[in-house]
C-alpha cells in the first residue's frame, strides 16, 4: 500500500486520514498539521523522507505565480530542502491544470452561469490557473491579493493591473516570513473579521483558498457561491449556517472531507510513477480523466 502524507503548517485540528483505491492501487492519504511550528514541520519532513511514497507540503506554497512566472517563497524552500529522496509537491501543478479545467467544466458541462457573476478572487497569485480561466470566461473579477495577503484595503479590478502589481511586489513578498502572508496554526481557527465584508456583499462568487475566504467572511453569506479546495465537515456546516447557496470544491471528497491540492498532487504523482520534474500538465489531466474526476457541486441552501 502506498502512503501519501501532507505535512502542513496548519492546525492539527484539521488532521484527517483515509484509505482509498485509485486505479487499482491502495493508498493511505493523511494530513498532519504542525500548528504553525516550522521546526516541528522540518522534523516531520525529515522523518517522512524515504519512508513514504510522496509528500505534500501543506499550509504553504513553494511558489506564487503571476503571468507564467514563478516566484519562490523563501520559507517554503527551507522546508523543501530538508527532504532528500521522497518527491515533495505543493499542489501548484494541479492548481495550474485541474483548476483551469474545473472552471471550464462548470461553465460548459454543469452549465453554471459563471460568466454572468461578479467574482471575488481572494488571492490570484495562489491560484493563477483558476483566476485566468475565470477571466477568460469574461467574469467581472475583484482581485483581493493585497487585501487578503497583506491586509491592505486596495482592491484590484483588472487582470492587467493585477499582473503589473504582482510583478512589482512578489519578489519582495516571497522573502517575507510566511506567517505574515497566510494564516497558520491557531490563526486558522480565529473567528473571521468582518473588516472587508463589503467586498463579499458586492460579489456573487467567492473563489480561492478556503482559509483566505474564511479570513474576513461575514456572518451573512446568503445566496453566495463558494469555489474553493479544502473543506472539512465543520467548514461545510459553517457555510450552510451563514446562508451560502452553493459550494464547489475542486478536489475530491474522501469520507466527507476534501483534501488540499498538495495532497491530491502527491497521490497522483505516486500513481504516475514519474519524477516530479518529468510530469507534464497533460499527465495530470490524463490521469484525472481515468479517475472520472468531476468537481463536487453541493447545494447548501
C-alpha atoms as a PDB file:
ATOM      1  CA  UNK A   1       0.000   0.000   0.000  1.00  0.00           C
ATOM      2  CA  UNK A   2       1.304   3.419  -0.949  1.00  0.00           C
ATOM      3  CA  UNK A   3       1.473   6.085   1.726  1.00  0.00           C
ATOM      4  CA  UNK A   4       0.887   9.756   0.968  1.00  0.00           C
ATOM      5  CA  UNK A   5       1.354  12.358   3.708  1.00  0.00           C
ATOM      6  CA  UNK A   6       0.732  16.081   3.746  1.00  0.00           C
ATOM      7  CA  UNK A   7       2.997  17.810   6.255  1.00  0.00           C
ATOM      8  CA  UNK A   8       1.106  21.022   6.938  1.00  0.00           C
ATOM      9  CA  UNK A   9       1.831  24.235   8.789  1.00  0.00           C
ATOM     10  CA  UNK A  10      -1.882  24.394   9.504  1.00  0.00           C
ATOM     11  CA  UNK A  11      -3.846  23.490  12.597  1.00  0.00           C
ATOM     12  CA  UNK A  12      -3.642  19.901  13.840  1.00  0.00           C
ATOM     13  CA  UNK A  13      -7.401  20.106  14.450  1.00  0.00           C
ATOM     14  CA  UNK A  14      -7.867  19.719  10.681  1.00  0.00           C
ATOM     15  CA  UNK A  15      -5.951  16.400  10.575  1.00  0.00           C
ATOM     16  CA  UNK A  16      -7.519  13.569   8.587  1.00  0.00           C
ATOM     17  CA  UNK A  17      -6.592  10.118   7.308  1.00  0.00           C
ATOM     18  CA  UNK A  18      -8.295   7.842   4.767  1.00  0.00           C
ATOM     19  CA  UNK A  19      -7.629   4.683   2.806  1.00  0.00           C
ATOM     20  CA  UNK A  20      -8.666   4.746  -0.861  1.00  0.00           C
ATOM     21  CA  UNK A  21      -8.257   2.684  -4.001  1.00  0.00           C
ATOM     22  CA  UNK A  22      -7.349   4.688  -7.089  1.00  0.00           C
ATOM     23  CA  UNK A  23      -6.887   2.931 -10.433  1.00  0.00           C
ATOM     24  CA  UNK A  24      -6.365  -0.396  -8.654  1.00  0.00           C
ATOM     25  CA  UNK A  25      -3.770   0.970  -6.212  1.00  0.00           C
ATOM     26  CA  UNK A  26      -4.426   1.057  -2.457  1.00  0.00           C
ATOM     27  CA  UNK A  27      -3.302   4.305  -0.831  1.00  0.00           C
ATOM     28  CA  UNK A  28      -3.356   5.772   2.646  1.00  0.00           C
ATOM     29  CA  UNK A  29      -3.701   9.541   2.457  1.00  0.00           C
ATOM     30  CA  UNK A  30      -3.005  11.546   5.590  1.00  0.00           C
ATOM     31  CA  UNK A  31      -2.831  15.203   6.518  1.00  0.00           C
ATOM     32  CA  UNK A  32      -0.788  16.096   9.646  1.00  0.00           C
ATOM     33  CA  UNK A  33      -0.759  19.685  10.915  1.00  0.00           C
ATOM     34  CA  UNK A  34       2.083  21.211  12.930  1.00  0.00           C
ATOM     35  CA  UNK A  35       0.166  24.230  14.279  1.00  0.00           C
ATOM     36  CA  UNK A  36       2.395  26.745  12.534  1.00  0.00           C
ATOM     37  CA  UNK A  37       5.604  25.361  14.049  1.00  0.00           C
ATOM     38  CA  UNK A  38       8.332  25.455  11.352  1.00  0.00           C
ATOM     39  CA  UNK A  39      10.808  23.431  13.411  1.00  0.00           C
ATOM     40  CA  UNK A  40       8.212  20.736  14.019  1.00  0.00           C
ATOM     41  CA  UNK A  41       7.391  20.700  10.294  1.00  0.00           C
ATOM     42  CA  UNK A  42      11.071  20.310   9.420  1.00  0.00           C
ATOM     43  CA  UNK A  43      11.462  17.397  11.833  1.00  0.00           C
ATOM     44  CA  UNK A  44       8.365  15.685  10.450  1.00  0.00           C
ATOM     45  CA  UNK A  45       9.662  16.074   6.888  1.00  0.00           C
ATOM     46  CA  UNK A  46      12.995  14.518   7.913  1.00  0.00           C
ATOM     47  CA  UNK A  47      11.146  11.547   9.404  1.00  0.00           C
ATOM     48  CA  UNK A  48       8.897  11.105   6.361  1.00  0.00           C
ATOM     49  CA  UNK A  49      11.769  11.331   3.874  1.00  0.00           C
ATOM     50  CA  UNK A  50      12.415   7.896   2.409  1.00  0.00           C
ATOM     51  CA  UNK A  51       9.561   6.330   4.384  1.00  0.00           C
ATOM     52  CA  UNK A  52       6.560   7.422   2.299  1.00  0.00           C
ATOM     53  CA  UNK A  53       5.833   7.422  -1.428  1.00  0.00           C
ATOM     54  CA  UNK A  54       5.144  11.153  -1.803  1.00  0.00           C
ATOM     55  CA  UNK A  55       4.892  14.217   0.431  1.00  0.00           C
ATOM     56  CA  UNK A  56       2.518  17.128   0.091  1.00  0.00           C
ATOM     57  CA  UNK A  57       3.682  20.426   1.536  1.00  0.00           C
ATOM     58  CA  UNK A  58       0.567  21.880   3.138  1.00  0.00           C
ATOM     59  CA  UNK A  59      -0.328  25.281   4.524  1.00  0.00           C
ATOM     60  CA  UNK A  60       2.337  26.933   2.383  1.00  0.00           C
ATOM     61  CA  UNK A  61       3.130  27.330  -1.311  1.00  0.00           C
ATOM     62  CA  UNK A  62       6.543  26.694  -2.819  1.00  0.00           C
ATOM     63  CA  UNK A  63       5.759  29.296  -5.459  1.00  0.00           C
ATOM     64  CA  UNK A  64       3.467  32.175  -6.136  1.00  0.00           C
ATOM     65  CA  UNK A  65       2.650  32.685  -9.806  1.00  0.00           C
ATOM     66  CA  UNK A  66       1.767  35.655 -11.974  1.00  0.00           C
ATOM     67  CA  UNK A  67       1.566  35.687 -15.764  1.00  0.00           C
ATOM     68  CA  UNK A  68       3.570  32.492 -16.191  1.00  0.00           C
ATOM     69  CA  UNK A  69       6.437  33.458 -13.888  1.00  0.00           C
ATOM     70  CA  UNK A  70       7.102  31.602 -10.631  1.00  0.00           C
ATOM     71  CA  UNK A  71       8.410  33.333  -7.520  1.00  0.00           C
ATOM     72  CA  UNK A  72       9.906  31.010  -4.896  1.00  0.00           C
ATOM     73  CA  UNK A  73       8.750  31.526  -1.292  1.00  0.00           C
ATOM     74  CA  UNK A  74      11.870  31.506   0.845  1.00  0.00           C
ATOM     75  CA  UNK A  75      10.312  29.834   3.910  1.00  0.00           C
ATOM     76  CA  UNK A  76       8.843  27.055   1.750  1.00  0.00           C
ATOM     77  CA  UNK A  77      12.189  26.405   0.101  1.00  0.00           C
ATOM     78  CA  UNK A  78      13.738  25.970   3.560  1.00  0.00           C
ATOM     79  CA  UNK A  79      11.187  23.256   4.322  1.00  0.00           C
ATOM     80  CA  UNK A  80      11.573  21.507   0.982  1.00  0.00           C
ATOM     81  CA  UNK A  81      15.371  21.436   1.248  1.00  0.00           C
ATOM     82  CA  UNK A  82      15.087  19.135   4.292  1.00  0.00           C
ATOM     83  CA  UNK A  83      13.752  16.285   2.095  1.00  0.00           C
ATOM     84  CA  UNK A  84      16.460  14.476   0.130  1.00  0.00           C
ATOM     85  CA  UNK A  85      14.819  11.449  -1.525  1.00  0.00           C
ATOM     86  CA  UNK A  86      10.999  11.467  -1.439  1.00  0.00           C
ATOM     87  CA  UNK A  87       9.115  13.603  -4.008  1.00  0.00           C
ATOM     88  CA  UNK A  88       7.656  16.794  -2.487  1.00  0.00           C
ATOM     89  CA  UNK A  89       4.858  18.785  -4.122  1.00  0.00           C
ATOM     90  CA  UNK A  90       2.836  21.802  -3.027  1.00  0.00           C
ATOM     91  CA  UNK A  91      -0.177  21.417  -5.331  1.00  0.00           C
ATOM     92  CA  UNK A  92       0.898  24.090  -7.813  1.00  0.00           C
ATOM     93  CA  UNK A  93       0.955  21.573 -10.674  1.00  0.00           C
ATOM     94  CA  UNK A  94      -2.730  20.833 -10.114  1.00  0.00           C
ATOM     95  CA  UNK A  95      -3.721  24.425  -9.449  1.00  0.00           C
ATOM     96  CA  UNK A  96      -2.495  25.317 -12.913  1.00  0.00           C
ATOM     97  CA  UNK A  97      -4.176  22.343 -14.634  1.00  0.00           C
ATOM     98  CA  UNK A  98      -7.058  20.871 -12.641  1.00  0.00           C
ATOM     99  CA  UNK A  99      -8.462  24.217 -11.528  1.00  0.00           C
ATOM    100  CA  UNK A 100      -8.450  25.640 -15.048  1.00  0.00           C
ATOM    101  CA  UNK A 101     -10.374  22.555 -16.192  1.00  0.00           C
ATOM    102  CA  UNK A 102     -12.784  22.831 -13.254  1.00  0.00           C
ATOM    103  CA  UNK A 103     -13.789  26.347 -14.300  1.00  0.00           C
ATOM    104  CA  UNK A 104     -14.333  25.186 -17.894  1.00  0.00           C
ATOM    105  CA  UNK A 105     -16.336  22.176 -16.687  1.00  0.00           C
ATOM    106  CA  UNK A 106     -18.570  24.356 -14.509  1.00  0.00           C
ATOM    107  CA  UNK A 107     -19.316  26.704 -17.400  1.00  0.00           C
ATOM    108  CA  UNK A 108     -19.603  24.197 -20.269  1.00  0.00           C
ATOM    109  CA  UNK A 109     -20.798  20.916 -18.724  1.00  0.00           C
ATOM    110  CA  UNK A 110     -22.507  21.899 -15.474  1.00  0.00           C
ATOM    111  CA  UNK A 111     -23.969  24.976 -17.215  1.00  0.00           C
ATOM    112  CA  UNK A 112     -23.373  27.248 -14.239  1.00  0.00           C
ATOM    113  CA  UNK A 113     -23.677  30.898 -15.346  1.00  0.00           C
ATOM    114  CA  UNK A 114     -20.257  31.938 -14.013  1.00  0.00           C
ATOM    115  CA  UNK A 115     -19.668  34.465 -16.800  1.00  0.00           C
ATOM    116  CA  UNK A 116     -22.613  36.491 -15.518  1.00  0.00           C
ATOM    117  CA  UNK A 117     -21.347  36.544 -11.938  1.00  0.00           C
ATOM    118  CA  UNK A 118     -19.210  39.020 -10.024  1.00  0.00           C
ATOM    119  CA  UNK A 119     -16.204  37.134  -8.632  1.00  0.00           C
ATOM    120  CA  UNK A 120     -14.145  37.930  -5.543  1.00  0.00           C
ATOM    121  CA  UNK A 121     -10.824  36.150  -6.146  1.00  0.00           C
ATOM    122  CA  UNK A 122      -9.229  36.229  -2.704  1.00  0.00           C
ATOM    123  CA  UNK A 123      -5.700  35.530  -3.975  1.00  0.00           C
ATOM    124  CA  UNK A 124      -4.861  35.125  -7.648  1.00  0.00           C
ATOM    125  CA  UNK A 125      -1.114  34.625  -7.095  1.00  0.00           C
ATOM    126  CA  UNK A 126      -2.031  31.491  -5.138  1.00  0.00           C
ATOM    127  CA  UNK A 127      -4.426  30.153  -7.822  1.00  0.00           C
ATOM    128  CA  UNK A 128      -3.455  31.830 -11.067  1.00  0.00           C
ATOM    129  CA  UNK A 129      -4.898  28.999 -13.192  1.00  0.00           C
ATOM    130  CA  UNK A 130      -8.334  29.470 -11.646  1.00  0.00           C
ATOM    131  CA  UNK A 131      -8.132  33.257 -11.916  1.00  0.00           C
ATOM    132  CA  UNK A 132      -7.058  33.181 -15.559  1.00  0.00           C
ATOM    133  CA  UNK A 133      -9.795  30.693 -16.500  1.00  0.00           C
ATOM    134  CA  UNK A 134     -12.439  32.905 -14.856  1.00  0.00           C
ATOM    135  CA  UNK A 135     -11.003  35.908 -16.681  1.00  0.00           C
ATOM    136  CA  UNK A 136     -11.164  34.037 -19.999  1.00  0.00           C
ATOM    137  CA  UNK A 137     -14.867  33.386 -19.354  1.00  0.00           C
ATOM    138  CA  UNK A 138     -15.398  37.128 -19.201  1.00  0.00           C
ATOM    139  CA  UNK A 139     -16.155  37.268 -15.471  1.00  0.00           C
ATOM    140  CA  UNK A 140     -16.010  40.579 -13.624  1.00  0.00           C
ATOM    141  CA  UNK A 141     -13.253  39.856 -11.084  1.00  0.00           C
ATOM    142  CA  UNK A 142     -12.141  41.712  -7.988  1.00  0.00           C
ATOM    143  CA  UNK A 143      -8.575  40.587  -7.201  1.00  0.00           C
ATOM    144  CA  UNK A 144      -8.151  40.584  -3.407  1.00  0.00           C
ATOM    145  CA  UNK A 145      -4.432  39.796  -3.183  1.00  0.00           C
ATOM    146  CA  UNK A 146      -3.457  42.962  -1.307  1.00  0.00           C
ATOM    147  CA  UNK A 147      -6.491  42.709   0.989  1.00  0.00           C
ATOM    148  CA  UNK A 148      -6.251  39.042   1.956  1.00  0.00           C
ATOM    149  CA  UNK A 149      -2.469  38.649   1.785  1.00  0.00           C
ATOM    150  CA  UNK A 150      -1.276  41.950   3.250  1.00  0.00           C
ATOM    151  CA  UNK A 151      -4.397  43.465   4.886  1.00  0.00           C
ATOM    152  CA  UNK A 152      -4.139  46.493   2.616  1.00  0.00           C
ATOM    153  CA  UNK A 153      -7.599  47.850   1.672  1.00  0.00           C
ATOM    154  CA  UNK A 154      -6.787  48.088  -2.030  1.00  0.00           C
ATOM    155  CA  UNK A 155      -8.993  46.054  -4.394  1.00  0.00           C
ATOM    156  CA  UNK A 156      -7.665  45.384  -7.904  1.00  0.00           C
ATOM    157  CA  UNK A 157     -10.245  45.426 -10.675  1.00  0.00           C
ATOM    158  CA  UNK A 158      -8.466  44.298 -13.844  1.00  0.00           C
ATOM    159  CA  UNK A 159      -6.214  41.406 -14.857  1.00  0.00           C
ATOM    160  CA  UNK A 160      -3.745  43.877 -16.366  1.00  0.00           C
ATOM    161  CA  UNK A 161      -3.407  45.834 -13.117  1.00  0.00           C
ATOM    162  CA  UNK A 162      -3.067  42.601 -11.149  1.00  0.00           C
ATOM    163  CA  UNK A 163      -0.215  41.348 -13.362  1.00  0.00           C
ATOM    164  CA  UNK A 164       1.683  44.635 -13.145  1.00  0.00           C
ATOM    165  CA  UNK A 165       1.311  44.823  -9.374  1.00  0.00           C
ATOM    166  CA  UNK A 166       2.230  41.156  -8.908  1.00  0.00           C
ATOM    167  CA  UNK A 167       5.496  41.592 -10.809  1.00  0.00           C
ATOM    168  CA  UNK A 168       6.335  44.555  -8.589  1.00  0.00           C
ATOM    169  CA  UNK A 169       5.579  43.073  -5.163  1.00  0.00           C
ATOM    170  CA  UNK A 170       6.129  39.302  -5.448  1.00  0.00           C
ATOM    171  CA  UNK A 171       9.954  39.482  -5.432  1.00  0.00           C
ATOM    172  CA  UNK A 172       9.656  41.232  -2.041  1.00  0.00           C
ATOM    173  CA  UNK A 173       6.657  39.400  -0.581  1.00  0.00           C
ATOM    174  CA  UNK A 174       8.123  35.924  -1.170  1.00  0.00           C
ATOM    175  CA  UNK A 175      11.071  36.792   1.070  1.00  0.00           C
ATOM    176  CA  UNK A 176       8.826  37.802   3.989  1.00  0.00           C
ATOM    177  CA  UNK A 177       8.018  35.366   6.849  1.00  0.00           C
ATOM    178  CA  UNK A 178       5.163  33.249   5.501  1.00  0.00           C
ATOM    179  CA  UNK A 179       3.090  33.594   8.675  1.00  0.00           C
ATOM    180  CA  UNK A 180       2.609  37.275   7.785  1.00  0.00           C
ATOM    181  CA  UNK A 181       1.014  36.333   4.459  1.00  0.00           C
ATOM    182  CA  UNK A 182      -1.183  33.365   5.354  1.00  0.00           C
ATOM    183  CA  UNK A 183      -2.937  32.062   8.491  1.00  0.00           C
ATOM    184  CA  UNK A 184      -1.016  29.162  10.023  1.00  0.00           C
ATOM    185  CA  UNK A 185      -1.612  27.109  13.168  1.00  0.00           C
ATOM    186  CA  UNK A 186      -4.178  28.508  15.608  1.00  0.00           C
ATOM    187  CA  UNK A 187      -4.758  31.559  13.379  1.00  0.00           C
ATOM    188  CA  UNK A 188      -6.778  29.226  11.152  1.00  0.00           C
ATOM    189  CA  UNK A 189      -9.304  28.833  13.976  1.00  0.00           C
ATOM    190  CA  UNK A 190      -9.827  32.530  14.742  1.00  0.00           C
ATOM    191  CA  UNK A 191     -13.306  33.909  14.272  1.00  0.00           C
ATOM    192  CA  UNK A 192     -13.370  35.730  10.925  1.00  0.00           C
ATOM    193  CA  UNK A 193     -13.054  39.503  10.970  1.00  0.00           C
ATOM    194  CA  UNK A 194     -15.684  41.423   9.000  1.00  0.00           C
ATOM    195  CA  UNK A 195     -13.283  44.221   8.036  1.00  0.00           C
ATOM    196  CA  UNK A 196     -13.883  43.670   4.322  1.00  0.00           C
ATOM    197  CA  UNK A 197     -17.483  42.428   4.378  1.00  0.00           C
ATOM    198  CA  UNK A 198     -18.330  44.994   1.691  1.00  0.00           C
ATOM    199  CA  UNK A 199     -16.419  43.030  -0.954  1.00  0.00           C
ATOM    200  CA  UNK A 200     -18.291  39.818  -0.073  1.00  0.00           C
ATOM    201  CA  UNK A 201     -21.652  41.609  -0.257  1.00  0.00           C
ATOM    202  CA  UNK A 202     -20.846  43.038  -3.686  1.00  0.00           C
ATOM    203  CA  UNK A 203     -19.739  39.655  -5.130  1.00  0.00           C
ATOM    204  CA  UNK A 204     -21.766  36.639  -6.255  1.00  0.00           C
ATOM    205  CA  UNK A 205     -18.944  34.073  -6.100  1.00  0.00           C
ATOM    206  CA  UNK A 206     -16.056  33.946  -3.613  1.00  0.00           C
ATOM    207  CA  UNK A 207     -13.182  31.964  -5.136  1.00  0.00           C
ATOM    208  CA  UNK A 208      -9.790  30.716  -3.977  1.00  0.00           C
ATOM    209  CA  UNK A 209      -8.105  29.182  -0.943  1.00  0.00           C
ATOM    210  CA  UNK A 210     -10.658  28.372   1.755  1.00  0.00           C
ATOM    211  CA  UNK A 211      -8.686  29.788   4.693  1.00  0.00           C
ATOM    212  CA  UNK A 212      -8.266  33.069   2.816  1.00  0.00           C
ATOM    213  CA  UNK A 213     -12.015  33.055   2.085  1.00  0.00           C
ATOM    214  CA  UNK A 214     -12.782  32.445   5.757  1.00  0.00           C
ATOM    215  CA  UNK A 215     -10.370  35.136   6.977  1.00  0.00           C
ATOM    216  CA  UNK A 216     -12.841  38.026   6.512  1.00  0.00           C
ATOM    217  CA  UNK A 217     -16.054  36.101   5.823  1.00  0.00           C
ATOM    218  CA  UNK A 218     -19.167  37.857   7.190  1.00  0.00           C
ATOM    219  CA  UNK A 219     -21.915  36.031   9.040  1.00  0.00           C
ATOM    220  CA  UNK A 220     -24.418  36.806   6.297  1.00  0.00           C
ATOM    221  CA  UNK A 221     -23.439  34.956   3.114  1.00  0.00           C
ATOM    222  CA  UNK A 222     -26.961  34.366   1.824  1.00  0.00           C
ATOM    223  CA  UNK A 223     -27.077  33.465  -1.858  1.00  0.00           C
ATOM    224  CA  UNK A 224     -23.294  33.355  -2.308  1.00  0.00           C
ATOM    225  CA  UNK A 225     -21.368  30.657  -4.161  1.00  0.00           C
ATOM    226  CA  UNK A 226     -18.012  29.393  -2.859  1.00  0.00           C
ATOM    227  CA  UNK A 227     -15.423  27.986  -5.291  1.00  0.00           C
ATOM    228  CA  UNK A 228     -12.571  26.536  -3.251  1.00  0.00           C
ATOM    229  CA  UNK A 229     -10.467  23.481  -2.433  1.00  0.00           C
ATOM    230  CA  UNK A 230     -10.151  22.095   1.114  1.00  0.00           C
ATOM    231  CA  UNK A 231     -13.215  21.963   3.350  1.00  0.00           C
ATOM    232  CA  UNK A 232     -13.927  19.902   6.434  1.00  0.00           C
ATOM    233  CA  UNK A 233     -17.396  18.837   7.573  1.00  0.00           C
ATOM    234  CA  UNK A 234     -17.275  21.665  10.115  1.00  0.00           C
ATOM    235  CA  UNK A 235     -16.465  24.153   7.343  1.00  0.00           C
ATOM    236  CA  UNK A 236     -19.430  22.944   5.304  1.00  0.00           C
ATOM    237  CA  UNK A 237     -21.760  23.214   8.312  1.00  0.00           C
ATOM    238  CA  UNK A 238     -20.491  26.749   8.966  1.00  0.00           C
ATOM    239  CA  UNK A 239     -21.062  27.799   5.350  1.00  0.00           C
ATOM    240  CA  UNK A 240     -24.585  26.378   5.483  1.00  0.00           C
ATOM    241  CA  UNK A 241     -25.356  28.349   8.653  1.00  0.00           C
ATOM    242  CA  UNK A 242     -24.094  31.543   7.017  1.00  0.00           C
ATOM    243  CA  UNK A 243     -26.541  31.035   4.145  1.00  0.00           C
ATOM    244  CA  UNK A 244     -24.130  30.036   1.357  1.00  0.00           C
ATOM    245  CA  UNK A 245     -26.170  28.733  -1.572  1.00  0.00           C
ATOM    246  CA  UNK A 246     -23.627  26.647  -3.488  1.00  0.00           C
ATOM    247  CA  UNK A 247     -20.289  25.059  -2.520  1.00  0.00           C
ATOM    248  CA  UNK A 248     -17.960  23.882  -5.281  1.00  0.00           C
ATOM    249  CA  UNK A 249     -14.760  22.056  -4.316  1.00  0.00           C
ATOM    250  CA  UNK A 250     -12.049  21.424  -6.891  1.00  0.00           C
ATOM    251  CA  UNK A 251     -10.523  18.378  -5.161  1.00  0.00           C
ATOM    252  CA  UNK A 252     -12.207  15.007  -4.476  1.00  0.00           C
ATOM    253  CA  UNK A 253     -14.074  14.338  -1.257  1.00  0.00           C
ATOM    254  CA  UNK A 254     -12.943  11.335   0.814  1.00  0.00           C
ATOM    255  CA  UNK A 255     -15.107  10.408   3.825  1.00  0.00           C
ATOM    256  CA  UNK A 256     -16.792  13.813   3.910  1.00  0.00           C
ATOM    257  CA  UNK A 257     -13.560  15.791   3.589  1.00  0.00           C
ATOM    258  CA  UNK A 258     -11.906  17.404   0.585  1.00  0.00           C
ATOM    259  CA  UNK A 259      -8.102  17.390   0.783  1.00  0.00           C
ATOM    260  CA  UNK A 260      -5.814  20.137  -0.461  1.00  0.00           C
ATOM    261  CA  UNK A 261      -4.294  20.217  -3.932  1.00  0.00           C
ATOM    262  CA  UNK A 262      -0.894  19.354  -2.416  1.00  0.00           C
ATOM    263  CA  UNK A 263      -2.274  16.029  -1.141  1.00  0.00           C
ATOM    264  CA  UNK A 264      -4.001  15.161  -4.400  1.00  0.00           C
ATOM    265  CA  UNK A 265      -0.935  16.073  -6.463  1.00  0.00           C
ATOM    266  CA  UNK A 266       1.235  13.860  -4.228  1.00  0.00           C
ATOM    267  CA  UNK A 267      -1.214  10.971  -4.671  1.00  0.00           C
ATOM    268  CA  UNK A 268      -1.322  11.374  -8.450  1.00  0.00           C
ATOM    269  CA  UNK A 269       2.465  11.623  -8.609  1.00  0.00           C
ATOM    270  CA  UNK A 270       2.754   8.286  -6.805  1.00  0.00           C
ATOM    271  CA  UNK A 271       0.368   6.717  -9.336  1.00  0.00           C
ATOM    272  CA  UNK A 272       2.176   8.178 -12.344  1.00  0.00           C
ATOM    273  CA  UNK A 273       5.469   6.617 -11.299  1.00  0.00           C
ATOM    274  CA  UNK A 274       7.449   9.549 -12.709  1.00  0.00           C
ATOM    275  CA  UNK A 275       9.846  12.032 -11.187  1.00  0.00           C
ATOM    276  CA  UNK A 276       8.120  15.319 -10.414  1.00  0.00           C
ATOM    277  CA  UNK A 277      10.361  17.159 -12.906  1.00  0.00           C
ATOM    278  CA  UNK A 278       9.203  14.801 -15.685  1.00  0.00           C
ATOM    279  CA  UNK A 279       5.463  15.199 -15.092  1.00  0.00           C
ATOM    280  CA  UNK A 280       3.611  17.379 -17.615  1.00  0.00           C
ATOM    281  CA  UNK A 281       0.258  19.166 -17.239  1.00  0.00           C
ATOM    282  CA  UNK A 282      -1.156  16.649 -19.714  1.00  0.00           C
ATOM    283  CA  UNK A 283      -0.091  13.788 -17.425  1.00  0.00           C
ATOM    284  CA  UNK A 284      -2.251  15.227 -14.657  1.00  0.00           C
ATOM    285  CA  UNK A 285      -5.186  15.804 -16.998  1.00  0.00           C
ATOM    286  CA  UNK A 286      -4.931  12.259 -18.410  1.00  0.00           C
ATOM    287  CA  UNK A 287      -4.909  10.578 -15.008  1.00  0.00           C
ATOM    288  CA  UNK A 288      -7.788  12.734 -13.751  1.00  0.00           C
ATOM    289  CA  UNK A 289      -9.755  11.648 -16.816  1.00  0.00           C
ATOM    290  CA  UNK A 290      -9.026   7.986 -15.990  1.00  0.00           C
ATOM    291  CA  UNK A 291     -10.332   8.630 -12.482  1.00  0.00           C
ATOM    292  CA  UNK A 292     -13.538  10.106 -13.987  1.00  0.00           C
ATOM    293  CA  UNK A 293     -12.975  13.119 -11.783  1.00  0.00           C
ATOM    294  CA  UNK A 294     -15.505  15.960 -11.717  1.00  0.00           C
ATOM    295  CA  UNK A 295     -15.725  18.750  -9.145  1.00  0.00           C
ATOM    296  CA  UNK A 296     -18.139  18.425  -6.251  1.00  0.00           C
ATOM    297  CA  UNK A 297     -21.119  20.782  -6.507  1.00  0.00           C
ATOM    298  CA  UNK A 298     -23.204  20.880  -3.339  1.00  0.00           C
ATOM    299  CA  UNK A 299     -26.316  22.991  -2.820  1.00  0.00           C
ATOM    300  CA  UNK A 300     -26.284  24.121   0.815  1.00  0.00           C
ATOM    301  CA  UNK A 301     -29.329  26.399   0.908  1.00  0.00           C
END
